Amino acid sequence: MRIRIENCGLFDGLGHAVQPGMHVLVADGAVAEVSETAIAAGADRVIDGTGMTLMPGLIDAHVHIAAATPNLAALEAMHPTYVAHWTARNLSKMLDRGFTSVRDVGGGDAGTKFAQAEGLIRGPRVWTSGKALGQTGGHTDFRGRSRAELSDIQRRHLPSLGRIVDGVPECLRAARDELRLGADFVKIMANGGVATPTDPIDWIQFTPEEIRAIVTVAEAACTYVAAHTYTAKAIEHACVNGVRTLEHCNLIDDRVAGILKERGAFAVPTLVIYDCLDRHADAIGLGQDNRAKNRIVREAGLRSLEILQRAGVPMGYGTDLLGWMHDDQSEEFRLRGQVLPAADVLRSATSVNAALLRRPDLGHVAPGATADLILVAGDPVADIACLTGQGERIPLVIQGGQVVKDAL
């Protein structure tokens, strides 16, 4: 299909401003032409973009597409087919918000990725880690202090975010197994977490030998490791042992941010989840210990963005939402916009995340780029709120050159 978009503003995913009066031609699934003057080539559809901004499709690099409830311990008891249907609906709503690609960092599986690619379900392109790897008593262990059995938590098709592994041999085997099952990268839990019952925020998880073993497996498979981290100590622990993307990073400091910069690592902050957990703590039954942990990381979130920005660390856009909280996926733009220039926030969800995914054809608008595009009512650099909500101000979504949302 050939689509010509005329007289639109253009945010190309790389620059700092919206270029007015631009013309873009989409053909054969790619951006064929970008011009300051009218494009003469014929098209199956011509769209007047006056008053609107064309930009790359959004990318969320930290999602849990199959987290059908904020209660992650209860998730393990949900029926897998129910969770599969919930996941399909969740992905469809993400596409309506303008997200044409997402990276799942625990709980999603290759089956969902294949179903989306084949057109069986509607949604963003999916990259997945499969189940995240965590240690006993760590951020994939929801048994609390009263359950002993591991059998359910280790079952592959149980709808949980992770699996429990201890020691180098188990780490090697589990990383290889997730890749065998279709994971695109490997996710580990290298720090204590808010949602789990027995690991304080400052707990360091996995030994250097365990992390290096997992990194060795990933790199041998031509991919990388992502790690859940909050504290500067945990971030450094993961990064110096070979982890490529550091998730959350709320409690980072200037020194460790410099280490990330030196090693070419990515940070993926996720502020909106802590905001949601704080606002809805009663509704989801968040325990007092968990609320206290959430308060610590929430209050440090905006400051972490300033530290990472100052060090020049590339920051991807992530949200980390659970259950019905996914509806706040685009609120991350508003939160980051409190301390960062809007264009920087937009690049985090476009070209920076494309680089993180190792997909140079995504995240920008230029001839030859894959035609994942959204048309936004207004100028998101001037008013980043254009992207918030459920996509009400995003009337057109194009994915791979095909119109997948049309509210023009």
Protein backbone atom coordinates (compact mmCIF):
# COMPACT_ATOMS: atom_id res chain seq x y z
CA MET A 1 0.00 0.00 0.00
CA ARG A 2 1.24 3.50 -0.88
CA ILE A 3 0.31 6.29 1.54
CA ARG A 4 1.16 9.95 1.08
CA ILE A 5 0.95 12.27 4.07
CA GLU A 6 0.96 15.95 3.16
CA ASN A 7 1.52 19.24 4.99
CA CYS A 8 2.31 17.64 8.33
CA GLY A 9 4.73 18.55 11.05
CA LEU A 10 7.52 15.97 11.29
CA PHE A 11 9.39 14.79 14.36
CA ASP A 12 11.89 12.40 12.82
CA GLY A 13 12.94 10.67 16.07
CA LEU A 14 16.46 12.09 15.91
CA GLY A 15 16.17 15.87 16.04
CA HIS A 16 15.11 18.44 18.60
CA ALA A 17 12.08 20.04 16.98
CA VAL A 18 9.08 19.44 14.75
CA GLN A 19 9.71 20.43 11.12
CA PRO A 20 6.60 22.13 9.68
CA GLY A 21 5.09 21.63 6.23
CA MET A 22 6.62 18.23 5.48
CA HIS A 23 5.53 15.53 3.04
CA VAL A 24 6.14 11.78 3.49
CA LEU A 25 5.53 8.85 1.16
CA VAL A 26 5.15 5.29 2.46
CA ALA A 27 5.51 2.39 0.03
CA ASP A 28 6.19 -1.35 0.34
CA GLY A 29 6.32 -1.22 4.13
CA ALA A 30 9.00 1.48 4.30
CA VAL A 31 9.39 5.23 4.24
CA ALA A 32 10.03 5.93 0.55
CA GLU A 33 10.44 9.72 0.53
CA VAL A 34 10.61 12.65 2.94
CA SER A 35 10.38 16.11 1.40
CA GLU A 36 9.91 19.78 2.22
CA THR A 37 7.97 20.14 -1.04
CA ALA A 38 4.97 18.27 -2.42
CA ILE A 39 5.64 14.67 -3.53
CA ALA A 40 4.42 13.92 -7.03
CA ALA A 41 4.39 10.14 -6.74
CA GLY A 42 0.96 8.52 -6.78
CA ALA A 43 -0.55 6.86 -3.72
CA ASP A 44 -3.46 4.61 -2.79
CA ARG A 45 -4.32 7.03 -0.02
CA VAL A 46 -3.53 10.71 0.50
CA ILE A 47 -3.80 12.19 4.00
CA ASP A 48 -3.87 15.89 4.84
CA GLY A 49 -1.70 16.25 7.93
CA THR A 50 -2.39 19.94 8.54
CA GLY A 51 -2.24 20.67 12.27
CA MET A 52 -0.79 17.24 13.03
CA THR A 53 2.68 15.78 13.62
CA LEU A 54 4.00 12.61 12.01
CA MET A 55 6.56 10.76 14.09
CA PRO A 56 7.98 7.25 14.53
CA GLY A 57 5.84 4.62 16.21
CA LEU A 58 6.45 4.57 19.96
CA ILE A 59 8.56 1.85 21.60
CA ASP A 60 8.18 0.77 25.24
CA ALA A 61 11.32 -1.09 26.32
CA HIS A 62 10.08 -2.32 29.70
CA VAL A 63 6.68 -3.98 29.74
CA HIS A 64 5.11 -7.09 31.25
CA ILE A 65 2.55 -7.91 28.58
CA ALA A 66 1.19 -10.96 30.44
CA ALA A 67 0.94 -9.41 33.92
CA ALA A 68 -2.84 -9.69 34.09
CA THR A 69 -2.95 -8.53 37.72
CA PRO A 70 -0.81 -6.24 39.90
CA ASN A 71 -0.74 -9.07 42.46
CA LEU A 72 2.16 -11.04 41.03
CA ALA A 73 1.82 -13.83 43.58
CA ALA A 74 -1.80 -14.32 42.44
CA LEU A 75 -0.68 -14.29 38.80
CA GLU A 76 0.92 -17.71 39.30
CA ALA A 77 -2.52 -19.21 40.03
CA MET A 78 -4.30 -17.75 36.98
CA HIS A 79 -5.31 -20.02 34.12
CA PRO A 80 -2.81 -19.76 31.25
CA THR A 81 -5.47 -19.43 28.54
CA TYR A 82 -7.17 -16.61 30.45
CA VAL A 83 -3.85 -14.80 30.69
CA ALA A 84 -3.25 -15.37 26.96
CA HIS A 85 -6.56 -13.69 26.06
CA TRP A 86 -5.88 -10.87 28.52
CA THR A 87 -2.45 -10.38 26.94
CA ALA A 88 -3.96 -10.09 23.45
CA ARG A 89 -6.35 -7.37 24.63
CA ASN A 90 -3.53 -5.60 26.45
CA LEU A 91 -1.40 -5.52 23.30
CA SER A 92 -4.27 -4.19 21.20
CA LYS A 93 -4.73 -1.28 23.62
CA MET A 94 -1.00 -0.52 23.48
CA LEU A 95 -1.20 -0.24 19.70
CA ASP A 96 -4.08 2.22 20.02
CA ARG A 97 -1.84 4.37 22.23
CA GLY A 98 0.72 4.51 19.41
CA PHE A 99 3.14 1.84 20.63
CA THR A 100 4.17 -0.15 17.58
CA SER A 101 6.94 -2.10 19.37
CA VAL A 102 7.44 -3.32 22.93
CA ARG A 103 10.13 -5.24 24.82
CA ASP A 104 8.74 -7.64 27.40
CA VAL A 105 11.11 -8.16 30.33
CA GLY A 106 9.46 -11.03 32.15
CA GLY A 107 6.36 -13.16 31.70
CA GLY A 108 5.64 -12.82 28.00
CA ASP A 109 6.69 -15.67 25.77
CA ALA A 110 7.66 -16.39 22.19
CA GLY A 111 4.16 -17.70 21.40
CA THR A 112 2.75 -14.20 21.78
CA LYS A 113 5.56 -12.82 19.64
CA PHE A 114 4.84 -15.34 16.89
CA ALA A 115 1.08 -14.76 17.07
CA GLN A 116 1.53 -11.00 16.62
CA ALA A 117 3.99 -11.44 13.76
CA GLU A 118 1.57 -13.77 11.95
CA GLY A 119 -1.38 -11.42 12.45
CA LEU A 120 -3.27 -13.74 14.79
CA ILE A 121 -3.48 -10.94 17.34
CA ARG A 122 -3.36 -7.17 16.97
CA GLY A 123 -0.60 -5.34 18.78
CA PRO A 124 2.94 -3.99 18.81
CA ARG A 125 5.91 -6.01 17.60
CA VAL A 126 7.16 -8.00 20.59
CA TRP A 127 10.66 -8.71 21.84
CA THR A 128 10.69 -10.94 24.91
CA SER A 129 13.03 -12.31 27.55
CA GLY A 130 10.67 -15.16 28.41
CA LYS A 131 10.79 -15.73 32.15
CA ALA A 132 13.17 -13.52 34.11
CA LEU A 133 15.84 -15.36 36.11
CA GLY A 134 16.03 -14.74 39.86
CA GLN A 135 17.64 -16.36 42.87
CA THR A 136 15.98 -18.04 45.81
CA GLY A 137 14.47 -15.33 47.99
CA GLY A 138 14.93 -12.79 45.22
CA HIS A 139 12.71 -10.76 42.93
CA THR A 140 11.12 -13.73 41.17
CA ASP A 141 10.35 -15.58 44.40
CA PHE A 142 6.78 -14.86 45.57
CA ARG A 143 6.55 -17.76 48.03
CA GLY A 144 6.99 -15.51 51.04
CA ARG A 145 8.09 -17.13 54.28
CA SER A 146 5.47 -19.87 54.49
CA ARG A 147 5.67 -21.77 51.19
CA ALA A 148 8.47 -24.21 50.44
CA GLU A 149 7.62 -25.92 47.14
CA LEU A 150 9.28 -24.80 43.92
CA SER A 151 7.49 -27.03 41.43
CA ASP A 152 4.79 -24.56 40.37
CA ILE A 153 7.14 -21.59 40.14
CA GLN A 154 9.50 -23.52 37.88
CA ARG A 155 6.83 -24.70 35.43
CA ARG A 156 7.41 -23.11 32.04
CA HIS A 157 3.76 -22.48 31.14
CA LEU A 158 2.73 -21.09 34.50
CA PRO A 159 1.77 -17.42 34.03
CA SER A 160 4.46 -15.93 36.24
CA LEU A 161 7.13 -13.34 35.54
CA GLY A 162 10.13 -15.46 36.43
CA ARG A 163 11.84 -18.66 37.46
CA ILE A 164 14.22 -19.39 40.33
CA VAL A 165 17.81 -20.45 39.68
CA ASP A 166 20.81 -20.79 42.00
CA GLY A 167 24.45 -21.44 41.18
CA VAL A 168 26.35 -21.27 37.94
CA PRO A 169 25.12 -24.58 36.45
CA GLU A 170 21.44 -23.65 36.98
CA CYS A 171 22.05 -20.16 35.60
CA LEU A 172 23.68 -21.57 32.47
CA ARG A 173 20.89 -24.08 31.95
CA ALA A 174 18.06 -21.61 32.51
CA ALA A 175 19.53 -18.94 30.24
CA ARG A 176 20.03 -21.51 27.49
CA ASP A 177 16.51 -22.82 28.04
CA GLU A 178 14.86 -19.38 27.71
CA LEU A 179 16.78 -18.78 24.48
CA ARG A 180 15.77 -22.24 23.22
CA LEU A 181 12.15 -21.36 23.89
CA GLY A 182 12.42 -18.24 21.74
CA ALA A 183 13.62 -15.44 24.04
CA ASP A 184 15.29 -12.53 22.26
CA PHE A 185 17.49 -11.66 25.26
CA VAL A 186 17.88 -12.75 28.89
CA LYS A 187 16.50 -10.87 31.91
CA ILE A 188 17.89 -11.25 35.43
CA MET A 189 16.86 -9.84 38.79
CA ALA A 190 20.04 -8.37 40.29
CA ASN A 191 18.50 -6.35 43.13
CA GLY A 192 15.69 -6.42 45.67
CA GLY A 193 12.26 -5.40 44.45
CA VAL A 194 9.11 -3.58 45.49
CA ALA A 195 6.59 -6.32 44.75
CA THR A 196 8.32 -9.37 46.28
CA PRO A 197 7.90 -10.25 49.96
CA THR A 198 11.36 -11.20 51.23
CA ASP A 199 14.01 -9.08 49.49
CA PRO A 200 14.74 -5.52 50.67
CA ILE A 201 15.65 -2.89 48.09
CA ASP A 202 19.36 -2.95 48.98
CA TRP A 203 19.82 -6.71 48.53
CA ILE A 204 22.34 -7.58 45.82
CA GLN A 205 21.19 -10.67 43.93
CA PHE A 206 23.31 -13.19 42.01
CA THR A 207 27.05 -13.55 42.43
CA PRO A 208 29.50 -12.12 39.90
CA GLU A 209 30.11 -15.67 38.67
CA GLU A 210 26.39 -16.30 38.14
CA ILE A 211 25.90 -13.05 36.23
CA ARG A 212 28.96 -13.63 34.06
CA ALA A 213 27.74 -17.15 33.27
CA ILE A 214 24.38 -15.79 32.07
CA VAL A 215 26.10 -13.03 30.07
CA THR A 216 28.37 -15.63 28.46
CA VAL A 217 25.34 -17.64 27.33
CA ALA A 218 23.59 -14.56 25.95
CA GLU A 219 26.62 -13.27 24.09
CA ALA A 220 27.28 -16.71 22.61
CA ALA A 221 23.73 -16.52 21.23
CA CYS A 222 24.45 -13.04 19.78
CA THR A 223 22.25 -11.26 22.27
CA TYR A 224 22.50 -9.55 25.68
CA VAL A 225 21.34 -9.46 29.30
CA ALA A 226 19.00 -6.95 30.95
CA ALA A 227 18.94 -6.56 34.73
CA HIS A 228 16.43 -5.31 37.30
CA THR A 229 18.44 -2.86 39.45
CA TYR A 230 17.69 0.03 41.82
CA THR A 231 20.72 0.89 43.95
CA ALA A 232 24.02 2.26 42.67
CA LYS A 233 25.77 -0.79 44.12
CA ALA A 234 23.49 -3.23 42.30
CA ILE A 235 23.72 -1.28 39.04
CA GLU A 236 27.52 -1.34 39.18
CA HIS A 237 27.50 -5.04 40.14
CA ALA A 238 25.45 -5.90 37.06
CA CYS A 239 27.14 -3.55 34.62
CA VAL A 240 30.77 -4.49 35.38
CA ASN A 241 29.83 -8.16 34.97
CA GLY A 242 28.56 -7.61 31.45
CA VAL A 243 24.88 -6.59 31.65
CA ARG A 244 23.92 -4.31 28.72
CA THR A 245 20.62 -2.73 29.83
CA LEU A 246 19.99 -1.63 33.40
CA GLU A 247 16.31 -1.39 34.27
CA HIS A 248 14.85 1.20 36.69
CA CYS A 249 18.10 2.68 38.13
CA ASN A 250 16.18 4.89 40.61
CA LEU A 251 18.98 5.05 43.20
CA ILE A 252 21.92 5.55 40.86
CA ASP A 253 24.67 8.06 41.63
CA ASP A 254 27.00 10.13 39.45
CA ARG A 255 29.95 7.75 39.77
CA VAL A 256 28.00 4.69 38.66
CA ALA A 257 26.29 6.64 35.89
CA GLY A 258 29.80 7.32 34.59
CA ILE A 259 30.50 3.57 34.57
CA LEU A 260 27.38 2.96 32.46
CA LYS A 261 28.50 5.65 30.02
CA GLU A 262 32.01 4.22 29.76
CA ARG A 263 30.73 0.71 29.09
CA GLY A 264 28.13 1.73 26.52
CA ALA A 265 25.23 0.46 28.62
CA PHE A 266 21.61 1.62 28.40
CA ALA A 267 19.42 2.68 31.31
CA VAL A 268 15.66 2.13 31.16
CA PRO A 269 13.97 4.18 33.90
CA THR A 270 10.33 3.33 34.70
CA LEU A 271 8.75 6.08 36.78
CA VAL A 272 5.05 5.61 36.17
CA ILE A 273 4.79 2.22 37.90
CA TYR A 274 5.82 3.69 41.27
CA ASP A 275 3.37 6.54 40.83
CA CYS A 276 0.61 4.01 40.13
CA LEU A 277 1.55 1.77 43.06
CA ASP A 278 1.47 4.79 45.37
CA ARG A 279 -1.94 5.97 44.13
CA HIS A 280 -3.55 2.53 44.08
CA ALA A 281 -1.83 0.85 47.05
CA ASP A 282 -5.13 0.20 48.86
CA ALA A 283 -6.89 -1.15 45.75
CA ILE A 284 -4.19 -3.73 45.09
CA GLY A 285 -3.62 -4.62 48.74
CA LEU A 286 0.04 -3.53 48.79
CA GLY A 287 1.58 -4.46 52.13
CA GLN A 288 3.22 -1.90 54.40
CA ASP A 289 6.74 -3.21 53.73
CA ASN A 290 6.10 -3.05 49.99
CA ARG A 291 4.70 0.49 50.29
CA ALA A 292 7.82 1.59 52.15
CA LYS A 293 10.04 0.13 49.41
CA ASN A 294 7.94 1.79 46.72
CA ARG A 295 8.20 5.15 48.49
CA ILE A 296 12.00 4.97 48.45
CA VAL A 297 12.31 4.35 44.71
CA ARG A 298 9.44 6.68 43.77
CA GLU A 299 10.95 9.67 45.52
CA ALA A 300 14.31 9.10 43.80
CA GLY A 301 12.93 8.64 40.28
CA LEU A 302 13.11 12.17 38.86
CA ARG A 303 16.54 12.72 40.36
CA SER A 304 17.83 9.58 38.63
CA LEU A 305 16.83 11.03 35.25
CA GLU A 306 18.89 14.13 35.94
CA ILE A 307 21.91 12.03 36.96
CA LEU A 308 21.70 9.83 33.86
CA GLN A 309 21.19 12.84 31.59
CA ARG A 310 24.19 14.62 33.09
CA ALA A 311 26.40 11.57 32.49
CA GLY A 312 25.21 11.15 28.90
CA VAL A 313 23.82 7.65 29.45
CA PRO A 314 21.29 6.70 26.75
CA MET A 315 17.89 6.37 28.43
CA GLY A 316 15.20 4.17 26.97
CA TYR A 317 11.49 4.64 27.64
CA GLY A 318 9.95 2.01 29.92
CA THR A 319 6.83 1.71 32.08
CA ASP A 320 6.83 -1.65 33.98
CA LEU A 321 3.05 -1.55 34.51
CA LEU A 322 0.90 -4.42 35.79
CA GLY A 323 -2.73 -5.41 35.28
CA TRP A 324 -5.17 -2.56 34.74
CA MET A 325 -2.39 -0.06 35.44
CA HIS A 326 -1.27 -0.53 31.83
CA ASP A 327 -3.79 2.19 30.97
CA ASP A 328 -1.24 4.67 32.37
CA GLN A 329 1.43 3.59 29.86
CA SER A 330 1.67 7.03 28.25
CA GLU A 331 1.78 8.90 31.57
CA GLU A 332 5.51 8.16 31.62
CA PHE A 333 5.85 10.98 29.06
CA ARG A 334 4.28 13.46 31.46
CA LEU A 335 6.43 12.40 34.42
CA ARG A 336 9.71 12.57 32.50
CA GLY A 337 8.68 15.90 30.99
CA GLN A 338 8.89 17.42 34.47
CA VAL A 339 12.71 17.33 34.36
CA LEU A 340 13.75 16.53 30.77
CA PRO A 341 13.22 18.41 27.49
CA ALA A 342 10.26 16.97 25.59
CA ALA A 343 12.38 16.14 22.54
CA ASP A 344 14.71 14.04 24.71
CA VAL A 345 11.74 12.13 26.12
CA LEU A 346 10.39 11.53 22.62
CA ARG A 347 13.75 10.24 21.43
CA SER A 348 13.85 7.83 24.37
CA ALA A 349 10.65 6.22 23.06
CA THR A 350 11.81 6.20 19.43
CA SER A 351 15.45 6.24 18.27
CA VAL A 352 17.05 5.39 21.64
CA ASN A 353 14.83 2.36 22.15
CA ALA A 354 15.41 1.32 18.53
CA ALA A 355 19.15 1.31 19.23
CA LEU A 356 18.53 -0.67 22.42
CA LEU A 357 16.58 -3.24 20.37
CA ARG A 358 19.37 -3.29 17.76
CA ARG A 359 16.85 -2.34 15.09
CA PRO A 360 18.30 0.62 13.17
CA ASP A 361 15.34 0.51 10.77
CA LEU A 362 12.96 1.58 13.55
CA GLY A 363 12.62 4.71 15.66
CA HIS A 364 13.15 7.35 12.99
CA VAL A 365 11.52 8.74 9.85
CA ALA A 366 13.85 8.70 6.86
CA PRO A 367 13.95 7.00 3.45
CA GLY A 368 14.49 3.27 3.93
CA ALA A 369 13.24 3.14 7.51
CA THR A 370 10.49 0.67 8.36
CA ALA A 371 7.18 2.53 8.19
CA ASP A 372 6.11 2.34 11.83
CA LEU A 373 4.51 5.78 12.15
CA ILE A 374 1.93 7.67 14.16
CA LEU A 375 0.05 10.86 13.38
CA VAL A 376 -0.47 13.05 16.44
CA ALA A 377 -3.00 15.88 16.78
CA GLY A 378 -0.79 18.80 17.78
CA ASP A 379 2.94 19.23 18.43
CA PRO A 380 4.31 16.76 21.02
CA VAL A 381 7.52 18.75 21.44
CA ALA A 382 5.51 21.82 22.46
CA ASP A 383 2.98 19.78 24.45
CA ILE A 384 4.02 16.25 25.33
CA ALA A 385 0.52 15.63 26.73
CA CYS A 386 -0.52 15.01 23.10
CA LEU A 387 0.71 11.46 23.68
CA THR A 388 -1.02 10.75 27.00
CA GLY A 389 -4.34 9.01 27.57
CA GLN A 390 -5.50 6.07 25.47
CA GLY A 391 -4.46 7.46 22.10
CA GLU A 392 -7.35 9.88 21.71
CA ARG A 393 -4.98 12.37 20.03
CA ILE A 394 -3.32 9.71 17.88
CA PRO A 395 -5.85 9.16 15.07
CA LEU A 396 -3.55 7.18 12.75
CA VAL A 397 -1.12 4.34 13.45
CA ILE A 398 0.87 2.71 10.65
CA GLN A 399 2.81 -0.48 11.34
CA GLY A 400 5.06 -1.94 8.66
CA GLY A 401 3.39 0.29 6.09
CA GLN A 402 -0.14 -0.90 6.94
CA VAL A 403 -2.76 1.23 8.65
CA VAL A 404 -3.61 -0.53 11.92
CA LYS A 405 -5.57 2.29 13.56
CA ASP A 406 -7.62 4.83 11.62
CA ALA A 407 -9.69 7.45 13.44
CA LEU A 408 -9.19 10.26 10.94
